[in-house]
Amino acid sequence: MSDVIEKAVETLNAKIDGGFDGVAKFVIEDEGAIMVDSEGAHAGDTQAEVTLTASLDTFRDMMEGDLNPTTAFMTGKLRIEGDMGKAMQLAHIFT
């Protein structure tokens, strides 16, 4: 697992309280993927209800609260495939 993915898993687990009701995947371009489910965040690349894809810079900016995920999506910096409702449930991670 890359250092970037390892750090992102740590950060997500610190922000997710009690896991996530569903299965989501964050794809960080050129780095790898992180799964978020009822057990929290972990490195992986399996099927998910929603997949969010962004560059490392975009992902980092969203995690640090410097970029609103809705703005990232509307400007094409964040791509979402799958259940948009599940994506919206993840919004609290970025606040």
PDB file of N, CA and C in Angstrom:
ATOM      1  N   MET A   1       0.846  -1.169   0.000  1.00  0.00           N
ATOM      2  CA  MET A   1       0.000   0.000   0.000  1.00  0.00           C
ATOM      3  C   MET A   1       0.895   1.237   0.000  1.00  0.00           C
ATOM      4  N   SER A   2       0.520   2.203  -0.824  1.00  0.00           N
ATOM      5  CA  SER A   2       1.317   3.430  -0.912  1.00  0.00           C
ATOM      6  C   SER A   2       1.151   4.268   0.354  1.00  0.00           C
ATOM      7  N   ASP A   3       2.112   5.121   0.600  1.00  0.00           N
ATOM      8  CA  ASP A   3       2.047   6.025   1.747  1.00  0.00           C
ATOM      9  C   ASP A   3       0.830   6.938   1.658  1.00  0.00           C
ATOM     10  N   VAL A   4       0.491   7.353   0.441  1.00  0.00           N
ATOM     11  CA  VAL A   4      -0.665   8.236   0.235  1.00  0.00           C
ATOM     12  C   VAL A   4      -1.948   7.528   0.654  1.00  0.00           C
ATOM     13  N   ILE A   5      -2.122   6.299   0.210  1.00  0.00           N
ATOM     14  CA  ILE A   5      -3.327   5.537   0.545  1.00  0.00           C
ATOM     15  C   ILE A   5      -3.364   5.264   2.045  1.00  0.00           C
ATOM     16  N   GLU A   6      -2.233   4.895   2.610  1.00  0.00           N
ATOM     17  CA  GLU A   6      -2.161   4.621   4.049  1.00  0.00           C
ATOM     18  C   GLU A   6      -2.575   5.852   4.866  1.00  0.00           C
ATOM     19  N   LYS A   7      -2.063   7.006   4.501  1.00  0.00           N
ATOM     20  CA  LYS A   7      -2.391   8.256   5.193  1.00  0.00           C
ATOM     21  C   LYS A   7      -3.867   8.608   4.994  1.00  0.00           C
ATOM     22  N   ALA A   8      -4.378   8.417   3.783  1.00  0.00           N
ATOM     23  CA  ALA A   8      -5.785   8.710   3.499  1.00  0.00           C
ATOM     24  C   ALA A   8      -6.710   7.801   4.310  1.00  0.00           C
ATOM     25  N   VAL A   9      -6.348   6.534   4.455  1.00  0.00           N
ATOM     26  CA  VAL A   9      -7.144   5.601   5.261  1.00  0.00           C
ATOM     27  C   VAL A   9      -7.177   6.088   6.714  1.00  0.00           C
ATOM     28  N   GLU A  10      -6.032   6.480   7.248  1.00  0.00           N
ATOM     29  CA  GLU A  10      -5.973   7.005   8.618  1.00  0.00           C
ATOM     30  C   GLU A  10      -6.877   8.228   8.774  1.00  0.00           C
ATOM     31  N   THR A  11      -6.773   9.151   7.831  1.00  0.00           N
ATOM     32  CA  THR A  11      -7.554  10.388   7.892  1.00  0.00           C
ATOM     33  C   THR A  11      -9.045  10.090   7.811  1.00  0.00           C
ATOM     34  N   LEU A  12      -9.435   9.225   6.883  1.00  0.00           N
ATOM     35  CA  LEU A  12     -10.854   8.882   6.746  1.00  0.00           C
ATOM     36  C   LEU A  12     -11.381   8.197   7.996  1.00  0.00           C
ATOM     37  N   ASN A  13     -10.621   7.279   8.559  1.00  0.00           N
ATOM     38  CA  ASN A  13     -11.077   6.584   9.759  1.00  0.00           C
ATOM     39  C   ASN A  13     -11.239   7.537  10.940  1.00  0.00           C
ATOM     40  N   ALA A  14     -10.416   8.567  10.993  1.00  0.00           N
ATOM     41  CA  ALA A  14     -10.546   9.557  12.058  1.00  0.00           C
ATOM     42  C   ALA A  14     -11.816  10.393  11.881  1.00  0.00           C
ATOM     43  N   LYS A  15     -12.269  10.547  10.643  1.00  0.00           N
ATOM     44  CA  LYS A  15     -13.441  11.370  10.359  1.00  0.00           C
ATOM     45  C   LYS A  15     -14.747  10.579  10.355  1.00  0.00           C
ATOM     46  N   ILE A  16     -14.658   9.289  10.123  1.00  0.00           N
ATOM     47  CA  ILE A  16     -15.858   8.447  10.056  1.00  0.00           C
ATOM     48  C   ILE A  16     -16.115   7.893  11.450  1.00  0.00           C
ATOM     49  N   ASP A  17     -17.262   8.201  11.965  1.00  0.00           N
ATOM     50  CA  ASP A  17     -17.614   7.728  13.299  1.00  0.00           C
ATOM     51  C   ASP A  17     -18.560   6.546  13.163  1.00  0.00           C
ATOM     52  N   GLY A  18     -18.052   5.342  13.364  1.00  0.00           N
ATOM     53  CA  GLY A  18     -18.901   4.157  13.324  1.00  0.00           C
ATOM     54  C   GLY A  18     -19.135   3.593  11.947  1.00  0.00           C
ATOM     55  N   GLY A  19     -18.338   3.939  10.981  1.00  0.00           N
ATOM     56  CA  GLY A  19     -18.467   3.372   9.650  1.00  0.00           C
ATOM     57  C   GLY A  19     -19.464   4.115   8.780  1.00  0.00           C
ATOM     58  N   PHE A  20     -19.866   3.463   7.705  1.00  0.00           N
ATOM     59  CA  PHE A  20     -20.727   4.067   6.689  1.00  0.00           C
ATOM     60  C   PHE A  20     -21.785   3.050   6.311  1.00  0.00           C
ATOM     61  N   ASP A  21     -23.011   3.491   6.194  1.00  0.00           N
ATOM     62  CA  ASP A  21     -24.123   2.606   5.842  1.00  0.00           C
ATOM     63  C   ASP A  21     -24.160   2.418   4.333  1.00  0.00           C
ATOM     64  N   GLY A  22     -23.310   1.564   3.846  1.00  0.00           N
ATOM     65  CA  GLY A  22     -23.197   1.289   2.425  1.00  0.00           C
ATOM     66  C   GLY A  22     -21.763   0.966   2.095  1.00  0.00           C
ATOM     67  N   VAL A  23     -21.468   0.958   0.808  1.00  0.00           N
ATOM     68  CA  VAL A  23     -20.092   0.697   0.354  1.00  0.00           C
ATOM     69  C   VAL A  23     -19.722   1.761  -0.673  1.00  0.00           C
ATOM     70  N   ALA A  24     -18.681   2.514  -0.341  1.00  0.00           N
ATOM     71  CA  ALA A  24     -18.199   3.570  -1.229  1.00  0.00           C
ATOM     72  C   ALA A  24     -16.730   3.329  -1.530  1.00  0.00           C
ATOM     73  N   LYS A  25     -16.313   3.835  -2.681  1.00  0.00           N
ATOM     74  CA  LYS A  25     -14.910   3.718  -3.071  1.00  0.00           C
ATOM     75  C   LYS A  25     -14.401   5.095  -3.462  1.00  0.00           C
ATOM     76  N   PHE A  26     -13.265   5.475  -2.868  1.00  0.00           N
ATOM     77  CA  PHE A  26     -12.548   6.678  -3.276  1.00  0.00           C
ATOM     78  C   PHE A  26     -11.375   6.234  -4.132  1.00  0.00           C
ATOM     79  N   VAL A  27     -11.327   6.692  -5.363  1.00  0.00           N
ATOM     80  CA  VAL A  27     -10.194   6.411  -6.242  1.00  0.00           C
ATOM     81  C   VAL A  27      -9.355   7.682  -6.316  1.00  0.00           C
ATOM     82  N   ILE A  28      -8.118   7.563  -5.872  1.00  0.00           N
ATOM     83  CA  ILE A  28      -7.180   8.676  -5.968  1.00  0.00           C
ATOM     84  C   ILE A  28      -6.295   8.368  -7.165  1.00  0.00           C
ATOM     85  N   GLU A  29      -6.453   9.164  -8.207  1.00  0.00           N
ATOM     86  CA  GLU A  29      -5.760   8.896  -9.469  1.00  0.00           C
ATOM     87  C   GLU A  29      -4.260   8.713  -9.262  1.00  0.00           C
ATOM     88  N   ASP A  30      -3.708   7.699  -9.901  1.00  0.00           N
ATOM     89  CA  ASP A  30      -2.281   7.366  -9.874  1.00  0.00           C
ATOM     90  C   ASP A  30      -1.789   6.909  -8.506  1.00  0.00           C
ATOM     91  N   GLU A  31      -2.700   6.669  -7.552  1.00  0.00           N
ATOM     92  CA  GLU A  31      -2.293   6.232  -6.214  1.00  0.00           C
ATOM     93  C   GLU A  31      -2.947   4.919  -5.814  1.00  0.00           C
ATOM     94  N   GLY A  32      -4.266   4.808  -6.019  1.00  0.00           N
ATOM     95  CA  GLY A  32      -4.974   3.603  -5.618  1.00  0.00           C
ATOM     96  C   GLY A  32      -6.381   3.919  -5.171  1.00  0.00           C
ATOM     97  N   ALA A  33      -6.981   2.969  -4.446  1.00  0.00           N
ATOM     98  CA  ALA A  33      -8.374   3.114  -4.033  1.00  0.00           C
ATOM     99  C   ALA A  33      -8.543   2.785  -2.556  1.00  0.00           C
ATOM    100  N   ILE A  34      -9.566   3.401  -1.990  1.00  0.00           N
ATOM    101  CA  ILE A  34      -9.917   3.207  -0.595  1.00  0.00           C
ATOM    102  C   ILE A  34     -11.394   2.853  -0.540  1.00  0.00           C
ATOM    103  N   MET A  35     -11.702   1.807   0.202  1.00  0.00           N
ATOM    104  CA  MET A  35     -13.082   1.402   0.394  1.00  0.00           C
ATOM    105  C   MET A  35     -13.566   1.941   1.737  1.00  0.00           C
ATOM    106  N   VAL A  36     -14.817   2.384   1.775  1.00  0.00           N
ATOM    107  CA  VAL A  36     -15.446   2.843   3.011  1.00  0.00           C
ATOM    108  C   VAL A  36     -16.739   2.060   3.163  1.00  0.00           C
ATOM    109  N   ASP A  37     -16.876   1.382   4.313  1.00  0.00           N
ATOM    110  CA  ASP A  37     -18.063   0.570   4.552  1.00  0.00           C
ATOM    111  C   ASP A  37     -18.400   0.585   6.042  1.00  0.00           C
ATOM    112  N   SER A  38     -19.193  -0.361   6.486  1.00  0.00           N
ATOM    113  CA  SER A  38     -19.642  -0.375   7.878  1.00  0.00           C
ATOM    114  C   SER A  38     -18.502  -0.554   8.875  1.00  0.00           C
ATOM    115  N   GLU A  39     -17.370  -1.026   8.414  1.00  0.00           N
ATOM    116  CA  GLU A  39     -16.216  -1.228   9.290  1.00  0.00           C
ATOM    117  C   GLU A  39     -15.237  -0.059   9.245  1.00  0.00           C
ATOM    118  N   GLY A  40     -15.517   0.946   8.430  1.00  0.00           N
ATOM    119  CA  GLY A  40     -14.638   2.099   8.303  1.00  0.00           C
ATOM    120  C   GLY A  40     -13.944   2.124   6.957  1.00  0.00           C
ATOM    121  N   ALA A  41     -12.766   2.723   6.920  1.00  0.00           N
ATOM    122  CA  ALA A  41     -11.997   2.854   5.672  1.00  0.00           C
ATOM    123  C   ALA A  41     -10.843   1.863   5.670  1.00  0.00           C
ATOM    124  N   HIS A  42     -10.555   1.331   4.479  1.00  0.00           N
ATOM    125  CA  HIS A  42      -9.424   0.423   4.301  1.00  0.00           C
ATOM    126  C   HIS A  42      -9.009   0.435   2.840  1.00  0.00           C
ATOM    127  N   ALA A  43      -7.755   0.125   2.595  1.00  0.00           N
ATOM    128  CA  ALA A  43      -7.279   0.059   1.217  1.00  0.00           C
ATOM    129  C   ALA A  43      -7.986  -1.088   0.512  1.00  0.00           C
ATOM    130  N   GLY A  44      -8.331  -0.886  -0.741  1.00  0.00           N
ATOM    131  CA  GLY A  44      -8.996  -1.930  -1.505  1.00  0.00           C
ATOM    132  C   GLY A  44      -9.580  -1.365  -2.784  1.00  0.00           C
ATOM    133  N   ASP A  45      -9.993  -2.268  -3.628  1.00  0.00           N
ATOM    134  CA  ASP A  45     -10.565  -1.864  -4.909  1.00  0.00           C
ATOM    135  C   ASP A  45     -11.575  -2.916  -5.342  1.00  0.00           C
ATOM    136  N   THR A  46     -12.711  -2.934  -4.641  1.00  0.00           N
ATOM    137  CA  THR A  46     -13.768  -3.868  -4.967  1.00  0.00           C
ATOM    138  C   THR A  46     -15.003  -3.089  -5.414  1.00  0.00           C
ATOM    139  N   GLN A  47     -16.054  -3.807  -5.741  1.00  0.00           N
ATOM    140  CA  GLN A  47     -17.276  -3.177  -6.206  1.00  0.00           C
ATOM    141  C   GLN A  47     -17.901  -2.340  -5.090  1.00  0.00           C
ATOM    142  N   ALA A  48     -18.471  -1.199  -5.460  1.00  0.00           N
ATOM    143  CA  ALA A  48     -19.079  -0.297  -4.497  1.00  0.00           C
ATOM    144  C   ALA A  48     -20.385   0.252  -5.043  1.00  0.00           C
ATOM    145  N   GLU A  49     -21.205   0.783  -4.144  1.00  0.00           N
ATOM    146  CA  GLU A  49     -22.458   1.411  -4.551  1.00  0.00           C
ATOM    147  C   GLU A  49     -22.199   2.759  -5.209  1.00  0.00           C
ATOM    148  N   VAL A  50     -21.122   3.422  -4.784  1.00  0.00           N
ATOM    149  CA  VAL A  50     -20.754   4.704  -5.355  1.00  0.00           C
ATOM    150  C   VAL A  50     -19.231   4.780  -5.407  1.00  0.00           C
ATOM    151  N   THR A  51     -18.728   5.333  -6.505  1.00  0.00           N
ATOM    152  CA  THR A  51     -17.285   5.519  -6.676  1.00  0.00           C
ATOM    153  C   THR A  51     -17.016   7.001  -6.907  1.00  0.00           C
ATOM    154  N   LEU A  52     -16.118   7.548  -6.091  1.00  0.00           N
ATOM    155  CA  LEU A  52     -15.721   8.952  -6.204  1.00  0.00           C
ATOM    156  C   LEU A  52     -14.273   8.984  -6.660  1.00  0.00           C
ATOM    157  N   THR A  53     -14.001   9.653  -7.767  1.00  0.00           N
ATOM    158  CA  THR A  53     -12.666   9.681  -8.353  1.00  0.00           C
ATOM    159  C   THR A  53     -12.162  11.110  -8.435  1.00  0.00           C
ATOM    160  N   ALA A  54     -10.921  11.310  -7.966  1.00  0.00           N
ATOM    161  CA  ALA A  54     -10.321  12.642  -7.995  1.00  0.00           C
ATOM    162  C   ALA A  54      -8.804  12.514  -8.021  1.00  0.00           C
ATOM    163  N   SER A  55      -8.148  13.604  -8.371  1.00  0.00           N
ATOM    164  CA  SER A  55      -6.690  13.649  -8.300  1.00  0.00           C
ATOM    165  C   SER A  55      -6.275  13.695  -6.833  1.00  0.00           C
ATOM    166  N   LEU A  56      -5.014  13.453  -6.576  1.00  0.00           N
ATOM    167  CA  LEU A  56      -4.500  13.541  -5.214  1.00  0.00           C
ATOM    168  C   LEU A  56      -4.703  14.939  -4.643  1.00  0.00           C
ATOM    169  N   ASP A  57      -4.411  15.969  -5.432  1.00  0.00           N
ATOM    170  CA  ASP A  57      -4.569  17.348  -4.959  1.00  0.00           C
ATOM    171  C   ASP A  57      -6.019  17.659  -4.595  1.00  0.00           C
ATOM    172  N   THR A  58      -6.947  17.227  -5.432  1.00  0.00           N
ATOM    173  CA  THR A  58      -8.370  17.470  -5.160  1.00  0.00           C
ATOM    174  C   THR A  58      -8.805  16.729  -3.913  1.00  0.00           C
ATOM    175  N   PHE A  59      -8.424  15.458  -3.801  1.00  0.00           N
ATOM    176  CA  PHE A  59      -8.786  14.664  -2.634  1.00  0.00           C
ATOM    177  C   PHE A  59      -8.224  15.315  -1.362  1.00  0.00           C
ATOM    178  N   ARG A  60      -6.970  15.716  -1.408  1.00  0.00           N
ATOM    179  CA  ARG A  60      -6.321  16.348  -0.250  1.00  0.00           C
ATOM    180  C   ARG A  60      -7.048  17.647   0.120  1.00  0.00           C
ATOM    181  N   ASP A  61      -7.359  18.475  -0.879  1.00  0.00           N
ATOM    182  CA  ASP A  61      -8.058  19.732  -0.610  1.00  0.00           C
ATOM    183  C   ASP A  61      -9.429  19.498   0.024  1.00  0.00           C
ATOM    184  N   MET A  62     -10.141  18.468  -0.430  1.00  0.00           N
ATOM    185  CA  MET A  62     -11.442  18.159   0.154  1.00  0.00           C
ATOM    186  C   MET A  62     -11.277  17.672   1.593  1.00  0.00           C
ATOM    187  N   MET A  63     -10.308  16.812   1.844  1.00  0.00           N
ATOM    188  CA  MET A  63     -10.092  16.272   3.183  1.00  0.00           C
ATOM    189  C   MET A  63      -9.677  17.365   4.162  1.00  0.00           C
ATOM    190  N   GLU A  64      -8.952  18.355   3.699  1.00  0.00           N
ATOM    191  CA  GLU A  64      -8.499  19.442   4.567  1.00  0.00           C
ATOM    192  C   GLU A  64      -9.539  20.552   4.704  1.00  0.00           C
ATOM    193  N   GLY A  65     -10.667  20.413   4.000  1.00  0.00           N
ATOM    194  CA  GLY A  65     -11.721  21.411   4.083  1.00  0.00           C
ATOM    195  C   GLY A  65     -11.489  22.640   3.219  1.00  0.00           C
ATOM    196  N   ASP A  66     -10.481  22.577   2.341  1.00  0.00           N
ATOM    197  CA  ASP A  66     -10.179  23.708   1.466  1.00  0.00           C
ATOM    198  C   ASP A  66     -11.003  23.704   0.186  1.00  0.00           C
ATOM    199  N   LEU A  67     -11.666  22.578  -0.104  1.00  0.00           N
ATOM    200  CA  LEU A  67     -12.474  22.458  -1.314  1.00  0.00           C
ATOM    201  C   LEU A  67     -13.751  21.709  -0.966  1.00  0.00           C
ATOM    202  N   ASN A  68     -14.861  22.347  -1.207  1.00  0.00           N
ATOM    203  CA  ASN A  68     -16.158  21.736  -0.979  1.00  0.00           C
ATOM    204  C   ASN A  68     -16.368  20.644  -2.031  1.00  0.00           C
ATOM    205  N   PRO A  69     -16.800  19.437  -1.621  1.00  0.00           N
ATOM    206  CA  PRO A  69     -16.993  18.360  -2.594  1.00  0.00           C
ATOM    207  C   PRO A  69     -18.030  18.685  -3.676  1.00  0.00           C
ATOM    208  N   THR A  70     -19.044  19.460  -3.322  1.00  0.00           N
ATOM    209  CA  THR A  70     -20.044  19.849  -4.321  1.00  0.00           C
ATOM    210  C   THR A  70     -19.400  20.731  -5.382  1.00  0.00           C
ATOM    211  N   THR A  71     -18.572  21.666  -4.952  1.00  0.00           N
ATOM    212  CA  THR A  71     -17.847  22.523  -5.889  1.00  0.00           C
ATOM    213  C   THR A  71     -16.911  21.690  -6.750  1.00  0.00           C
ATOM    214  N   ALA A  72     -16.223  20.739  -6.127  1.00  0.00           N
ATOM    215  CA  ALA A  72     -15.311  19.864  -6.874  1.00  0.00           C
ATOM    216  C   ALA A  72     -16.077  19.093  -7.947  1.00  0.00           C
ATOM    217  N   PHE A  73     -17.257  18.586  -7.599  1.00  0.00           N
ATOM    218  CA  PHE A  73     -18.081  17.844  -8.545  1.00  0.00           C
ATOM    219  C   PHE A  73     -18.567  18.753  -9.679  1.00  0.00           C
ATOM    220  N   MET A  74     -19.067  19.917  -9.316  1.00  0.00           N
ATOM    221  CA  MET A  74     -19.625  20.838 -10.317  1.00  0.00           C
ATOM    222  C   MET A  74     -18.562  21.381 -11.271  1.00  0.00           C
ATOM    223  N   THR A  75     -17.316  21.440 -10.830  1.00  0.00           N
ATOM    224  CA  THR A  75     -16.236  21.936 -11.682  1.00  0.00           C
ATOM    225  C   THR A  75     -15.476  20.809 -12.381  1.00  0.00           C
ATOM    226  N   GLY A  76     -15.936  19.570 -12.200  1.00  0.00           N
ATOM    227  CA  GLY A  76     -15.319  18.439 -12.884  1.00  0.00           C
ATOM    228  C   GLY A  76     -14.067  17.898 -12.216  1.00  0.00           C
ATOM    229  N   LYS A  77     -13.743  18.375 -11.032  1.00  0.00           N
ATOM    230  CA  LYS A  77     -12.555  17.871 -10.328  1.00  0.00           C
ATOM    231  C   LYS A  77     -12.843  16.570  -9.595  1.00  0.00           C
ATOM    232  N   LEU A  78     -14.111  16.304  -9.324  1.00  0.00           N
ATOM    233  CA  LEU A  78     -14.555  15.084  -8.655  1.00  0.00           C
ATOM    234  C   LEU A  78     -15.591  14.411  -9.540  1.00  0.00           C
ATOM    235  N   ARG A  79     -15.336  13.152  -9.880  1.00  0.00           N
ATOM    236  CA  ARG A  79     -16.294  12.377 -10.669  1.00  0.00           C
ATOM    237  C   ARG A  79     -16.995  11.381  -9.746  1.00  0.00           C
ATOM    238  N   ILE A  80     -18.300  11.260  -9.910  1.00  0.00           N
ATOM    239  CA  ILE A  80     -19.085  10.348  -9.089  1.00  0.00           C
ATOM    240  C   ILE A  80     -19.844   9.414 -10.012  1.00  0.00           C
ATOM    241  N   GLU A  81     -19.699   8.118  -9.743  1.00  0.00           N
ATOM    242  CA  GLU A  81     -20.431   7.107 -10.498  1.00  0.00           C
ATOM    243  C   GLU A  81     -21.203   6.253  -9.514  1.00  0.00           C
ATOM    244  N   GLY A  82     -22.470   6.023  -9.807  1.00  0.00           N
ATOM    245  CA  GLY A  82     -23.275   5.171  -8.941  1.00  0.00           C
ATOM    246  C   GLY A  82     -24.310   5.960  -8.173  1.00  0.00           C
ATOM    247  N   ASP A  83     -24.593   5.513  -6.966  1.00  0.00           N
ATOM    248  CA  ASP A  83     -25.664   6.030  -6.127  1.00  0.00           C
ATOM    249  C   ASP A  83     -25.317   7.419  -5.578  1.00  0.00           C
ATOM    250  N   MET A  84     -25.912   8.447  -6.149  1.00  0.00           N
ATOM    251  CA  MET A  84     -25.639   9.817  -5.730  1.00  0.00           C
ATOM    252  C   MET A  84     -26.085  10.048  -4.284  1.00  0.00           C
ATOM    253  N   GLY A  85     -27.121   9.377  -3.848  1.00  0.00           N
ATOM    254  CA  GLY A  85     -27.576   9.488  -2.460  1.00  0.00           C
ATOM    255  C   GLY A  85     -26.499   9.033  -1.486  1.00  0.00           C
ATOM    256  N   LYS A  86     -25.828   7.939  -1.819  1.00  0.00           N
ATOM    257  CA  LYS A  86     -24.726   7.443  -0.978  1.00  0.00           C
ATOM    258  C   LYS A  86     -23.579   8.443  -0.979  1.00  0.00           C
ATOM    259  N   ALA A  87     -23.313   9.053  -2.123  1.00  0.00           N
ATOM    260  CA  ALA A  87     -22.252  10.060  -2.196  1.00  0.00           C
ATOM    261  C   ALA A  87     -22.583  11.232  -1.272  1.00  0.00           C
ATOM    262  N   MET A  88     -23.842  11.637  -1.251  1.00  0.00           N
ATOM    263  CA  MET A  88     -24.248  12.761  -0.417  1.00  0.00           C
ATOM    264  C   MET A  88     -24.131  12.428   1.067  1.00  0.00           C
ATOM    265  N   GLN A  89     -24.324  11.153   1.429  1.00  0.00           N
ATOM    266  CA  GLN A  89     -24.180  10.733   2.821  1.00  0.00           C
ATOM    267  C   GLN A  89     -22.739  10.877   3.309  1.00  0.00           C
ATOM    268  N   LEU A  90     -21.798  10.919   2.390  1.00  0.00           N
ATOM    269  CA  LEU A  90     -20.388  11.053   2.754  1.00  0.00           C
ATOM    270  C   LEU A  90     -19.969  12.509   2.982  1.00  0.00           C
ATOM    271  N   ALA A  91     -20.861  13.438   2.739  1.00  0.00           N
ATOM    272  CA  ALA A  91     -20.519  14.864   2.829  1.00  0.00           C
ATOM    273  C   ALA A  91     -19.951  15.260   4.181  1.00  0.00           C
ATOM    274  N   HIS A  92     -20.426  14.619   5.249  1.00  0.00           N
ATOM    275  CA  HIS A  92     -19.946  14.982   6.589  1.00  0.00           C
ATOM    276  C   HIS A  92     -18.453  14.717   6.779  1.00  0.00           C
ATOM    277  N   ILE A  93     -17.892  13.857   5.973  1.00  0.00           N
ATOM    278  CA  ILE A  93     -16.464  13.550   6.062  1.00  0.00           C
ATOM    279  C   ILE A  93     -15.626  14.787   5.734  1.00  0.00           C
ATOM    280  N   PHE A  94     -16.147  15.643   4.886  1.00  0.00           N
ATOM    281  CA  PHE A  94     -15.381  16.765   4.369  1.00  0.00           C
ATOM    282  C   PHE A  94     -15.635  18.076   5.100  1.00  0.00           C
ATOM    283  N   THR A  95     -16.270  18.010   6.272  1.00  0.00           N
ATOM    284  CA  THR A  95     -16.542  19.244   7.013  1.00  0.00           C
ATOM    285  C   THR A  95     -15.632  19.353   8.222  1.00  0.00           C
TER     286      THR A  95
END
